[in-house]
Every structure is written in C-alpha cells, then in structure tokens.
Amino acid sequence: MQLMMYIGNDLIEAVQLEPARLRKPGYVGSFKRYLKSKYDELIRQYPDKPEFLVIDNNPATFTDNSNPTA
C-alpha cells in the first residue's frame, strides 16, 4: 500500500505503507505530517491544499464468472 501526496493534479511523492499497521492510530497521520513538513515551501506556493490518497498497489485478482461451465 502507498500513501500518495498530490497538489492539484501533480503527484508529489508516494510513501510505502505497511498494511498491518494501517489500523494503528496515528500511523498514516505521521507520514502526512512528515510529507507536509518536507514540502512546506512547495505547499506555500500553491493555492490548493495537498491531498492524500491511500492505494493498494498489489495486483488485484479477477475471477470471471460470466461463462460458468456446466
């Protein structure tokens, strides 16, 4: 899983997350604070606030049940 930081349509940075620790209070927030601090000067140059997105970058498995065999 990754935490991605965007400003407008621009991806600024993606940070790898440990899925087992996602439920721990403050885990994702600590990365958000770190990224905001790291890119503070860049954030001040844009009128838009940074946005954060957590994605699962593991390939999804797909099962096609539309044509079952008899």
PDB file of N, CA and C in Angstrom:
ATOM      1  N   MET A   1       0.844  -1.168   0.000  1.00  0.00           N
ATOM      2  CA  MET A   1       0.000   0.000   0.000  1.00  0.00           C
ATOM      3  C   MET A   1       0.892   1.234   0.000  1.00  0.00           C
ATOM      4  N   GLN A   2       0.352   2.298  -0.568  1.00  0.00           N
ATOM      5  CA  GLN A   2       1.094   3.544  -0.635  1.00  0.00           C
ATOM      6  C   GLN A   2       0.219   4.714  -0.217  1.00  0.00           C
ATOM      7  N   LEU A   3       0.861   5.690   0.405  1.00  0.00           N
ATOM      8  CA  LEU A   3       0.237   6.976   0.683  1.00  0.00           C
ATOM      9  C   LEU A   3       0.783   7.936  -0.357  1.00  0.00           C
ATOM     10  N   MET A   4      -0.109   8.512  -1.153  1.00  0.00           N
ATOM     11  CA  MET A   4       0.300   9.406  -2.225  1.00  0.00           C
ATOM     12  C   MET A   4      -0.122  10.826  -1.888  1.00  0.00           C
ATOM     13  N   MET A   5       0.789  11.775  -2.096  1.00  0.00           N
ATOM     14  CA  MET A   5       0.512  13.185  -1.831  1.00  0.00           C
ATOM     15  C   MET A   5       0.426  13.917  -3.163  1.00  0.00           C
ATOM     16  N   TYR A   6      -0.695  14.590  -3.367  1.00  0.00           N
ATOM     17  CA  TYR A   6      -0.933  15.378  -4.571  1.00  0.00           C
ATOM     18  C   TYR A   6      -1.118  16.841  -4.199  1.00  0.00           C
ATOM     19  N   ILE A   7      -0.659  17.706  -5.067  1.00  0.00           N
ATOM     20  CA  ILE A   7      -1.027  19.119  -5.012  1.00  0.00           C
ATOM     21  C   ILE A   7      -1.604  19.425  -6.381  1.00  0.00           C
ATOM     22  N   GLY A   8      -2.892  19.750  -6.419  1.00  0.00           N
ATOM     23  CA  GLY A   8      -3.575  19.890  -7.704  1.00  0.00           C
ATOM     24  C   GLY A   8      -3.576  18.534  -8.386  1.00  0.00           C
ATOM     25  N   ASN A   9      -3.131  18.496  -9.642  1.00  0.00           N
ATOM     26  CA  ASN A   9      -3.056  17.235 -10.385  1.00  0.00           C
ATOM     27  C   ASN A   9      -1.666  16.614 -10.342  1.00  0.00           C
ATOM     28  N   ASP A  10      -0.758  17.204  -9.587  1.00  0.00           N
ATOM     29  CA  ASP A  10       0.630  16.752  -9.560  1.00  0.00           C
ATOM     30  C   ASP A  10       0.891  15.802  -8.399  1.00  0.00           C
ATOM     31  N   LEU A  11       1.426  14.631  -8.722  1.00  0.00           N
ATOM     32  CA  LEU A  11       1.866  13.701  -7.692  1.00  0.00           C
ATOM     33  C   LEU A  11       3.202  14.199  -7.167  1.00  0.00           C
ATOM     34  N   ILE A  12       3.267  14.464  -5.873  1.00  0.00           N
ATOM     35  CA  ILE A  12       4.484  14.988  -5.265  1.00  0.00           C
ATOM     36  C   ILE A  12       5.368  13.847  -4.773  1.00  0.00           C
ATOM     37  N   GLU A  13       4.800  12.932  -4.013  1.00  0.00           N
ATOM     38  CA  GLU A  13       5.581  11.789  -3.519  1.00  0.00           C
ATOM     39  C   GLU A  13       4.635  10.682  -3.086  1.00  0.00           C
ATOM     40  N   ALA A  14       5.114   9.448  -3.189  1.00  0.00           N
ATOM     41  CA  ALA A  14       4.387   8.281  -2.703  1.00  0.00           C
ATOM     42  C   ALA A  14       5.265   7.567  -1.682  1.00  0.00           C
ATOM     43  N   VAL A  15       4.674   7.198  -0.558  1.00  0.00           N
ATOM     44  CA  VAL A  15       5.394   6.546   0.535  1.00  0.00           C
ATOM     45  C   VAL A  15       4.801   5.158   0.739  1.00  0.00           C
ATOM     46  N   GLN A  16       5.672   4.163   0.859  1.00  0.00           N
ATOM     47  CA  GLN A  16       5.223   2.792   1.090  1.00  0.00           C
ATOM     48  C   GLN A  16       4.696   2.646   2.517  1.00  0.00           C
ATOM     49  N   LEU A  17       3.542   1.988   2.667  1.00  0.00           N
ATOM     50  CA  LEU A  17       2.931   1.750   3.976  1.00  0.00           C
ATOM     51  C   LEU A  17       2.900   0.257   4.269  1.00  0.00           C
ATOM     52  N   GLU A  18       2.917  -0.083   5.546  1.00  0.00           N
ATOM     53  CA  GLU A  18       2.767  -1.469   5.972  1.00  0.00           C
ATOM     54  C   GLU A  18       1.285  -1.719   6.246  1.00  0.00           C
ATOM     55  N   PRO A  19       0.635  -2.581   5.464  1.00  0.00           N
ATOM     56  CA  PRO A  19      -0.807  -2.816   5.644  1.00  0.00           C
ATOM     57  C   PRO A  19      -1.186  -3.249   7.056  1.00  0.00           C
ATOM     58  N   ALA A  20      -0.337  -3.993   7.724  1.00  0.00           N
ATOM     59  CA  ALA A  20      -0.655  -4.475   9.072  1.00  0.00           C
ATOM     60  C   ALA A  20      -0.725  -3.337  10.089  1.00  0.00           C
ATOM     61  N   ARG A  21      -0.085  -2.212   9.799  1.00  0.00           N
ATOM     62  CA  ARG A  21      -0.048  -1.098  10.756  1.00  0.00           C
ATOM     63  C   ARG A  21      -1.075  -0.008  10.438  1.00  0.00           C
ATOM     64  N   LEU A  22      -1.869  -0.175   9.388  1.00  0.00           N
ATOM     65  CA  LEU A  22      -2.828   0.863   8.995  1.00  0.00           C
ATOM     66  C   LEU A  22      -3.857   1.159  10.076  1.00  0.00           C
ATOM     67  N   ARG A  23      -4.218   0.176  10.852  1.00  0.00           N
ATOM     68  CA  ARG A  23      -5.234   0.378  11.899  1.00  0.00           C
ATOM     69  C   ARG A  23      -4.667   1.042  13.149  1.00  0.00           C
ATOM     70  N   LYS A  24      -3.347   1.156  13.228  1.00  0.00           N
ATOM     71  CA  LYS A  24      -2.724   1.782  14.391  1.00  0.00           C
ATOM     72  C   LYS A  24      -2.992   3.285  14.348  1.00  0.00           C
ATOM     73  N   PRO A  25      -3.587   3.846  15.403  1.00  0.00           N
ATOM     74  CA  PRO A  25      -3.878   5.284  15.408  1.00  0.00           C
ATOM     75  C   PRO A  25      -2.608   6.115  15.204  1.00  0.00           C
ATOM     76  N   GLY A  26      -2.686   7.049  14.285  1.00  0.00           N
ATOM     77  CA  GLY A  26      -1.574   7.957  14.030  1.00  0.00           C
ATOM     78  C   GLY A  26      -0.556   7.471  13.023  1.00  0.00           C
ATOM     79  N   TYR A  27      -0.669   6.220  12.563  1.00  0.00           N
ATOM     80  CA  TYR A  27       0.324   5.674  11.630  1.00  0.00           C
ATOM     81  C   TYR A  27       0.349   6.459  10.322  1.00  0.00           C
ATOM     82  N   VAL A  28      -0.794   6.580   9.673  1.00  0.00           N
ATOM     83  CA  VAL A  28      -0.862   7.316   8.407  1.00  0.00           C
ATOM     84  C   VAL A  28      -0.645   8.809   8.656  1.00  0.00           C
ATOM     85  N   GLY A  29      -1.180   9.319   9.742  1.00  0.00           N
ATOM     86  CA  GLY A  29      -1.024  10.734  10.080  1.00  0.00           C
ATOM     87  C   GLY A  29       0.426  11.148  10.237  1.00  0.00           C
ATOM     88  N   SER A  30       1.261  10.246  10.752  1.00  0.00           N
ATOM     89  CA  SER A  30       2.683  10.585  10.913  1.00  0.00           C
ATOM     90  C   SER A  30       3.351  10.786   9.558  1.00  0.00           C
ATOM     91  N   PHE A  31       2.969   9.999   8.571  1.00  0.00           N
ATOM     92  CA  PHE A  31       3.515  10.172   7.223  1.00  0.00           C
ATOM     93  C   PHE A  31       2.994  11.457   6.586  1.00  0.00           C
ATOM     94  N   LYS A  32       1.722  11.760   6.825  1.00  0.00           N
ATOM     95  CA  LYS A  32       1.160  13.001   6.281  1.00  0.00           C
ATOM     96  C   LYS A  32       1.871  14.215   6.857  1.00  0.00           C
ATOM     97  N   ARG A  33       2.103  14.213   8.167  1.00  0.00           N
ATOM     98  CA  ARG A  33       2.831  15.320   8.794  1.00  0.00           C
ATOM     99  C   ARG A  33       4.248  15.433   8.247  1.00  0.00           C
ATOM    100  N   TYR A  34       4.910  14.301   8.061  1.00  0.00           N
ATOM    101  CA  TYR A  34       6.265  14.293   7.521  1.00  0.00           C
ATOM    102  C   TYR A  34       6.294  14.901   6.115  1.00  0.00           C
ATOM    103  N   LEU A  35       5.364  14.473   5.259  1.00  0.00           N
ATOM    104  CA  LEU A  35       5.336  14.982   3.885  1.00  0.00           C
ATOM    105  C   LEU A  35       4.995  16.468   3.845  1.00  0.00           C
ATOM    106  N   LYS A  36       4.059  16.894   4.689  1.00  0.00           N
ATOM    107  CA  LYS A  36       3.725  18.322   4.741  1.00  0.00           C
ATOM    108  C   LYS A  36       4.919  19.146   5.188  1.00  0.00           C
ATOM    109  N   SER A  37       5.680  18.632   6.136  1.00  0.00           N
ATOM    110  CA  SER A  37       6.870  19.332   6.611  1.00  0.00           C
ATOM    111  C   SER A  37       7.955  19.359   5.536  1.00  0.00           C
ATOM    112  N   LYS A  38       8.153  18.243   4.882  1.00  0.00           N
ATOM    113  CA  LYS A  38       9.184  18.123   3.849  1.00  0.00           C
ATOM    114  C   LYS A  38       8.924  19.062   2.677  1.00  0.00           C
ATOM    115  N   TYR A  39       7.657  19.208   2.298  1.00  0.00           N
ATOM    116  CA  TYR A  39       7.295  20.021   1.137  1.00  0.00           C
ATOM    117  C   TYR A  39       6.610  21.323   1.531  1.00  0.00           C
ATOM    118  N   ASP A  40       6.912  21.834   2.707  1.00  0.00           N
ATOM    119  CA  ASP A  40       6.271  23.043   3.219  1.00  0.00           C
ATOM    120  C   ASP A  40       6.411  24.223   2.255  1.00  0.00           C
ATOM    121  N   GLU A  41       7.607  24.440   1.746  1.00  0.00           N
ATOM    122  CA  GLU A  41       7.832  25.572   0.844  1.00  0.00           C
ATOM    123  C   GLU A  41       7.043  25.407  -0.455  1.00  0.00           C
ATOM    124  N   LEU A  42       7.003  24.200  -0.982  1.00  0.00           N
ATOM    125  CA  LEU A  42       6.238  23.931  -2.200  1.00  0.00           C
ATOM    126  C   LEU A  42       4.743  24.130  -1.957  1.00  0.00           C
ATOM    127  N   ILE A  43       4.249  23.681  -0.809  1.00  0.00           N
ATOM    128  CA  ILE A  43       2.830  23.814  -0.468  1.00  0.00           C
ATOM    129  C   ILE A  43       2.431  25.287  -0.404  1.00  0.00           C
ATOM    130  N   ARG A  44       3.312  26.117   0.123  1.00  0.00           N
ATOM    131  CA  ARG A  44       3.005  27.551   0.238  1.00  0.00           C
ATOM    132  C   ARG A  44       2.903  28.242  -1.121  1.00  0.00           C
ATOM    133  N   GLN A  45       3.489  27.667  -2.147  1.00  0.00           N
ATOM    134  CA  GLN A  45       3.471  28.271  -3.481  1.00  0.00           C
ATOM    135  C   GLN A  45       2.167  28.011  -4.227  1.00  0.00           C
ATOM    136  N   TYR A  46       1.373  27.049  -3.759  1.00  0.00           N
ATOM    137  CA  TYR A  46       0.141  26.672  -4.443  1.00  0.00           C
ATOM    138  C   TYR A  46      -1.075  27.140  -3.647  1.00  0.00           C
ATOM    139  N   PRO A  47      -2.133  27.548  -4.338  1.00  0.00           N
ATOM    140  CA  PRO A  47      -3.358  27.916  -3.617  1.00  0.00           C
ATOM    141  C   PRO A  47      -4.112  26.685  -3.096  1.00  0.00           C
ATOM    142  N   ASP A  48      -3.895  25.529  -3.738  1.00  0.00           N
ATOM    143  CA  ASP A  48      -4.577  24.296  -3.337  1.00  0.00           C
ATOM    144  C   ASP A  48      -3.862  23.645  -2.158  1.00  0.00           C
ATOM    145  N   LYS A  49      -4.643  23.061  -1.274  1.00  0.00           N
ATOM    146  CA  LYS A  49      -4.069  22.293  -0.169  1.00  0.00           C
ATOM    147  C   LYS A  49      -3.645  20.923  -0.702  1.00  0.00           C
ATOM    148  N   PRO A  50      -2.659  20.304  -0.071  1.00  0.00           N
ATOM    149  CA  PRO A  50      -2.271  18.962  -0.513  1.00  0.00           C
ATOM    150  C   PRO A  50      -3.384  17.961  -0.211  1.00  0.00           C
ATOM    151  N   GLU A  51      -3.501  16.976  -1.090  1.00  0.00           N
ATOM    152  CA  GLU A  51      -4.468  15.901  -0.902  1.00  0.00           C
ATOM    153  C   GLU A  51      -3.701  14.598  -0.777  1.00  0.00           C
ATOM    154  N   PHE A  52      -4.244  13.686   0.025  1.00  0.00           N
ATOM    155  CA  PHE A  52      -3.584  12.408   0.263  1.00  0.00           C
ATOM    156  C   PHE A  52      -4.519  11.277  -0.135  1.00  0.00           C
ATOM    157  N   LEU A  53      -3.933  10.249  -0.723  1.00  0.00           N
ATOM    158  CA  LEU A  53      -4.691   9.100  -1.182  1.00  0.00           C
ATOM    159  C   LEU A  53      -3.934   7.844  -0.785  1.00  0.00           C
ATOM    160  N   VAL A  54      -4.628   6.889  -0.183  1.00  0.00           N
ATOM    161  CA  VAL A  54      -4.027   5.595   0.138  1.00  0.00           C
ATOM    162  C   VAL A  54      -4.504   4.610  -0.912  1.00  0.00           C
ATOM    163  N   ILE A  55      -3.535   3.959  -1.576  1.00  0.00           N
ATOM    164  CA  ILE A  55      -3.890   2.985  -2.604  1.00  0.00           C
ATOM    165  C   ILE A  55      -3.258   1.642  -2.284  1.00  0.00           C
ATOM    166  N   ASP A  56      -3.910   0.596  -2.753  1.00  0.00           N
ATOM    167  CA  ASP A  56      -3.361  -0.756  -2.650  1.00  0.00           C
ATOM    168  C   ASP A  56      -2.677  -1.039  -3.975  1.00  0.00           C
ATOM    169  N   ASN A  57      -1.362  -1.106  -3.983  1.00  0.00           N
ATOM    170  CA  ASN A  57      -0.627  -1.293  -5.226  1.00  0.00           C
ATOM    171  C   ASN A  57      -0.346  -2.760  -5.531  1.00  0.00           C
ATOM    172  N   ASN A  58      -0.983  -3.672  -4.798  1.00  0.00           N
ATOM    173  CA  ASN A  58      -0.864  -5.095  -5.109  1.00  0.00           C
ATOM    174  C   ASN A  58      -1.801  -5.414  -6.260  1.00  0.00           C
ATOM    175  N   PRO A  59      -1.381  -6.271  -7.181  1.00  0.00           N
ATOM    176  CA  PRO A  59      -2.260  -6.594  -8.305  1.00  0.00           C
ATOM    177  C   PRO A  59      -3.535  -7.284  -7.820  1.00  0.00           C
ATOM    178  N   ALA A  60      -4.637  -6.844  -8.346  1.00  0.00           N
ATOM    179  CA  ALA A  60      -5.930  -7.422  -7.971  1.00  0.00           C
ATOM    180  C   ALA A  60      -6.146  -8.711  -8.754  1.00  0.00           C
ATOM    181  N   THR A  61      -6.822  -9.647  -8.134  1.00  0.00           N
ATOM    182  CA  THR A  61      -7.172 -10.874  -8.843  1.00  0.00           C
ATOM    183  C   THR A  61      -8.601 -10.734  -9.329  1.00  0.00           C
ATOM    184  N   PHE A  62      -8.853 -11.257 -10.500  1.00  0.00           N
ATOM    185  CA  PHE A  62     -10.167 -11.136 -11.117  1.00  0.00           C
ATOM    186  C   PHE A  62     -10.655 -12.523 -11.474  1.00  0.00           C
ATOM    187  N   THR A  63     -11.862 -12.830 -11.072  1.00  0.00           N
ATOM    188  CA  THR A  63     -12.482 -14.097 -11.418  1.00  0.00           C
ATOM    189  C   THR A  63     -13.645 -13.811 -12.340  1.00  0.00           C
ATOM    190  N   ASP A  64     -13.618 -14.415 -13.517  1.00  0.00           N
ATOM    191  CA  ASP A  64     -14.674 -14.208 -14.499  1.00  0.00           C
ATOM    192  C   ASP A  64     -15.714 -15.311 -14.341  1.00  0.00           C
ATOM    193  N   ASN A  65     -16.851 -14.953 -13.770  1.00  0.00           N
ATOM    194  CA  ASN A  65     -17.939 -15.913 -13.574  1.00  0.00           C
ATOM    195  C   ASN A  65     -19.044 -15.738 -14.601  1.00  0.00           C
ATOM    196  N   SER A  66     -18.781 -15.001 -15.667  1.00  0.00           N
ATOM    197  CA  SER A  66     -19.828 -14.727 -16.650  1.00  0.00           C
ATOM    198  C   SER A  66     -20.114 -15.919 -17.550  1.00  0.00           C
ATOM    199  N   ASN A  67     -19.203 -16.881 -17.641  1.00  0.00           N
ATOM    200  CA  ASN A  67     -19.406 -18.031 -18.510  1.00  0.00           C
ATOM    201  C   ASN A  67     -19.106 -19.310 -17.727  1.00  0.00           C
ATOM    202  N   PRO A  68     -19.982 -19.648 -16.764  1.00  0.00           N
ATOM    203  CA  PRO A  68     -19.720 -20.839 -15.948  1.00  0.00           C
ATOM    204  C   PRO A  68     -19.853 -22.117 -16.769  1.00  0.00           C
ATOM    205  N   THR A  69     -19.042 -23.111 -16.430  1.00  0.00           N
ATOM    206  CA  THR A  69     -19.129 -24.400 -17.120  1.00  0.00           C
ATOM    207  C   THR A  69     -20.146 -25.271 -16.416  1.00  0.00           C
ATOM    208  N   ALA A  70     -20.837 -26.104 -17.202  1.00  0.00           N
ATOM    209  CA  ALA A  70     -21.914 -26.928 -16.642  1.00  0.00           C
ATOM    210  C   ALA A  70     -21.425 -28.247 -16.147  1.00  0.00           C
TER     211      ALA A  70
END
